[in-house]
Structures are given as structure tokens and as C-alpha cells.
Amino acid sequence: MPMPGCETLQRRIITPMQITFKLYAGLTDYLPAEHRRGNLMPLEVPADAPIAQIIAPFHMPPKLVHLVLVNGVYVAPEERATRTLAEGDVLAIWPPVAGG
């Protein structure tokens, strides 16, 4: 029983979840070798991890992280630092595309 006037600190437990991580075009080189052929990999991430935190370990240059989609829905650059995912989501990233 806490003493009067003292706040009880509760430790928050963050459970991991599974998502699918997809990289397209030249970005597939940033995936582990065994996942490059299919351009996707299952990924376990903390439930509260924003997109920016999820992609950071892959060390992709920011200028190459151009088009980001979650379940086919575009995520604007200003939302990537705070937008979190849900169990089973698909996070897909494309580099800038040039052509003519």
C-alpha cells in the first residue's frame, strides 16, 4: 500500500508485434540478403514504435525513403516520427522514381 502523498510508479510493458516490411527498387539492398529476392521480411517491432524508429536500423539514407505506405495508405514525411503501426500491418517503402 503506497504511503499517503507518494505516487505509485507503474512500469509500462511494451509487447512486440509482427509486421511485414517491404522495400522496393534499389532499397532492397538494405534488407538482409536472405530477404532481398522477395523484397519483404517479417519484422517484430515494439507496439509503440513509430515508423521512423522501425526503419532506422536499416540505415537507409533519408533522401531515399521517399514514398512510405502503411497497408497501401500514404504516410506523409511529417507523420513518420509519430505514426505507429498495428499487429499485421504492412510497411512499404519506395525510393524516388525518375524517368522520362
C-alpha atoms as a PDB file:
ATOM      1  CA  MET A   1       0.000   0.000   0.000  1.00  0.00           C
ATOM      2  CA  PRO A   2       1.540   3.335  -1.013  1.00  0.00           C
ATOM      3  CA  MET A   3       2.161   5.938   1.641  1.00  0.00           C
ATOM      4  CA  PRO A   4      -0.184   8.933   1.555  1.00  0.00           C
ATOM      5  CA  GLY A   5       1.211  11.669  -0.673  1.00  0.00           C
ATOM      6  CA  CYS A   6       3.500   9.296  -2.604  1.00  0.00           C
ATOM      7  CA  GLU A   7       2.799   8.432  -6.206  1.00  0.00           C
ATOM      8  CA  THR A   8       2.963   4.840  -7.299  1.00  0.00           C
ATOM      9  CA  LEU A   9       5.114   4.329 -10.367  1.00  0.00           C
ATOM     10  CA  GLN A  10       3.913   1.618 -12.655  1.00  0.00           C
ATOM     11  CA  ARG A  11       6.215   0.169 -15.244  1.00  0.00           C
ATOM     12  CA  ARG A  12       4.716   0.117 -18.697  1.00  0.00           C
ATOM     13  CA  ILE A  13       5.221  -3.137 -20.536  1.00  0.00           C
ATOM     14  CA  ILE A  14       5.535  -2.855 -24.295  1.00  0.00           C
ATOM     15  CA  THR A  15       4.756  -6.079 -26.092  1.00  0.00           C
ATOM     16  CA  PRO A  16       6.235  -6.760 -29.512  1.00  0.00           C
ATOM     17  CA  MET A  17       4.092  -7.249 -32.587  1.00  0.00           C
ATOM     18  CA  GLN A  18       4.636  -8.664 -36.071  1.00  0.00           C
ATOM     19  CA  ILE A  19       4.501  -6.522 -39.204  1.00  0.00           C
ATOM     20  CA  THR A  20       5.593  -7.080 -42.799  1.00  0.00           C
ATOM     21  CA  PHE A  21       8.389  -4.798 -44.012  1.00  0.00           C
ATOM     22  CA  LYS A  22       8.757  -4.266 -47.770  1.00  0.00           C
ATOM     23  CA  LEU A  23      11.426  -2.346 -49.666  1.00  0.00           C
ATOM     24  CA  TYR A  24      11.262  -1.685 -53.393  1.00  0.00           C
ATOM     25  CA  ALA A  25      13.687  -0.948 -56.244  1.00  0.00           C
ATOM     26  CA  GLY A  26      17.215  -0.158 -55.056  1.00  0.00           C
ATOM     27  CA  LEU A  27      16.133  -0.165 -51.409  1.00  0.00           C
ATOM     28  CA  THR A  28      16.004  -3.968 -51.374  1.00  0.00           C
ATOM     29  CA  ASP A  29      19.782  -3.870 -50.889  1.00  0.00           C
ATOM     30  CA  TYR A  30      19.107  -2.628 -47.348  1.00  0.00           C
ATOM     31  CA  LEU A  31      17.287  -5.854 -46.435  1.00  0.00           C
ATOM     32  CA  PRO A  32      19.212  -8.848 -45.077  1.00  0.00           C
ATOM     33  CA  ALA A  33      20.482 -10.960 -48.003  1.00  0.00           C
ATOM     34  CA  GLU A  34      18.014 -13.796 -47.397  1.00  0.00           C
ATOM     35  CA  HIS A  35      15.043 -11.420 -47.849  1.00  0.00           C
ATOM     36  CA  ARG A  36      16.176  -9.442 -50.904  1.00  0.00           C
ATOM     37  CA  ARG A  37      14.785 -11.792 -53.535  1.00  0.00           C
ATOM     38  CA  GLY A  38      11.208 -11.406 -52.280  1.00  0.00           C
ATOM     39  CA  ASN A  39      11.764  -7.767 -51.212  1.00  0.00           C
ATOM     40  CA  LEU A  40       9.961  -8.315 -47.901  1.00  0.00           C
ATOM     41  CA  MET A  41      10.520  -9.681 -44.451  1.00  0.00           C
ATOM     42  CA  PRO A  42       8.512 -10.323 -41.319  1.00  0.00           C
ATOM     43  CA  LEU A  43       9.612  -7.942 -38.608  1.00  0.00           C
ATOM     44  CA  GLU A  44       8.971  -7.912 -34.872  1.00  0.00           C
ATOM     45  CA  VAL A  45       8.718  -4.366 -33.512  1.00  0.00           C
ATOM     46  CA  PRO A  46       7.610  -2.760 -30.228  1.00  0.00           C
ATOM     47  CA  ALA A  47       3.909  -1.953 -30.293  1.00  0.00           C
ATOM     48  CA  ASP A  48       4.577   1.749 -29.705  1.00  0.00           C
ATOM     49  CA  ALA A  49       7.414   2.154 -32.236  1.00  0.00           C
ATOM     50  CA  PRO A  50       6.864   4.921 -34.798  1.00  0.00           C
ATOM     51  CA  ILE A  51       7.761   4.349 -38.446  1.00  0.00           C
ATOM     52  CA  ALA A  52      10.996   6.350 -38.149  1.00  0.00           C
ATOM     53  CA  GLN A  53      12.194   4.076 -35.334  1.00  0.00           C
ATOM     54  CA  ILE A  54      11.272   0.931 -37.264  1.00  0.00           C
ATOM     55  CA  ILE A  55      13.269   1.898 -40.350  1.00  0.00           C
ATOM     56  CA  ALA A  56      16.286   3.414 -38.523  1.00  0.00           C
ATOM     57  CA  PRO A  57      18.177   0.096 -38.055  1.00  0.00           C
ATOM     58  CA  PHE A  58      18.194  -0.404 -41.838  1.00  0.00           C
ATOM     59  CA  HIS A  59      20.391   2.716 -42.285  1.00  0.00           C
ATOM     60  CA  MET A  60      18.684   3.941 -45.444  1.00  0.00           C
ATOM     61  CA  PRO A  61      19.656   7.486 -46.447  1.00  0.00           C
ATOM     62  CA  PRO A  62      16.676   9.755 -45.676  1.00  0.00           C
ATOM     63  CA  LYS A  63      16.657  11.079 -49.249  1.00  0.00           C
ATOM     64  CA  LEU A  64      15.930   7.515 -50.454  1.00  0.00           C
ATOM     65  CA  VAL A  65      12.963   6.998 -48.106  1.00  0.00           C
ATOM     66  CA  HIS A  66      10.560   8.758 -50.426  1.00  0.00           C
ATOM     67  CA  LEU A  67       7.199   7.011 -50.592  1.00  0.00           C
ATOM     68  CA  VAL A  68       6.043   5.344 -47.354  1.00  0.00           C
ATOM     69  CA  LEU A  69       2.808   3.365 -47.228  1.00  0.00           C
ATOM     70  CA  VAL A  70       1.075   1.513 -44.402  1.00  0.00           C
ATOM     71  CA  ASN A  71      -1.390  -1.017 -45.759  1.00  0.00           C
ATOM     72  CA  GLY A  72      -1.375   0.874 -49.055  1.00  0.00           C
ATOM     73  CA  VAL A  73      -2.091   4.282 -47.475  1.00  0.00           C
ATOM     74  CA  TYR A  74       0.456   7.091 -47.906  1.00  0.00           C
ATOM     75  CA  VAL A  75       2.180   8.402 -44.760  1.00  0.00           C
ATOM     76  CA  ALA A  76       3.480  11.974 -45.109  1.00  0.00           C
ATOM     77  CA  PRO A  77       7.078  12.696 -44.012  1.00  0.00           C
ATOM     78  CA  GLU A  78       5.944  14.842 -41.069  1.00  0.00           C
ATOM     79  CA  GLU A  79       3.894  11.920 -39.671  1.00  0.00           C
ATOM     80  CA  ARG A  80       6.650   9.284 -39.801  1.00  0.00           C
ATOM     81  CA  ALA A  81       8.212  10.279 -36.472  1.00  0.00           C
ATOM     82  CA  THR A  82       4.951   9.712 -34.588  1.00  0.00           C
ATOM     83  CA  ARG A  83       2.810   7.300 -36.651  1.00  0.00           C
ATOM     84  CA  THR A  84       2.697   3.843 -35.086  1.00  0.00           C
ATOM     85  CA  LEU A  85       1.542   0.572 -36.605  1.00  0.00           C
ATOM     86  CA  ALA A  86      -0.756  -2.263 -35.549  1.00  0.00           C
ATOM     87  CA  GLU A  87      -0.243  -6.026 -35.481  1.00  0.00           C
ATOM     88  CA  GLY A  88      -0.175  -7.406 -39.020  1.00  0.00           C
ATOM     89  CA  ASP A  89       0.332  -4.060 -40.790  1.00  0.00           C
ATOM     90  CA  VAL A  90       2.417  -3.866 -43.966  1.00  0.00           C
ATOM     91  CA  LEU A  91       5.030  -1.092 -44.080  1.00  0.00           C
ATOM     92  CA  ALA A  92       6.259  -0.475 -47.646  1.00  0.00           C
ATOM     93  CA  ILE A  93       8.905   2.000 -48.802  1.00  0.00           C
ATOM     94  CA  TRP A  94       9.924   3.160 -52.292  1.00  0.00           C
ATOM     95  CA  PRO A  95      12.833   5.387 -53.283  1.00  0.00           C
ATOM     96  CA  PRO A  96      12.283   8.413 -55.550  1.00  0.00           C
ATOM     97  CA  VAL A  97      11.446   7.331 -59.087  1.00  0.00           C
ATOM     98  CA  ALA A  98      12.880   9.089 -62.111  1.00  0.00           C
ATOM     99  CA  GLY A  99      12.010   8.513 -65.686  1.00  0.00           C
ATOM    100  CA  GLY A 100      11.123  10.133 -68.854  1.00  0.00           C
END
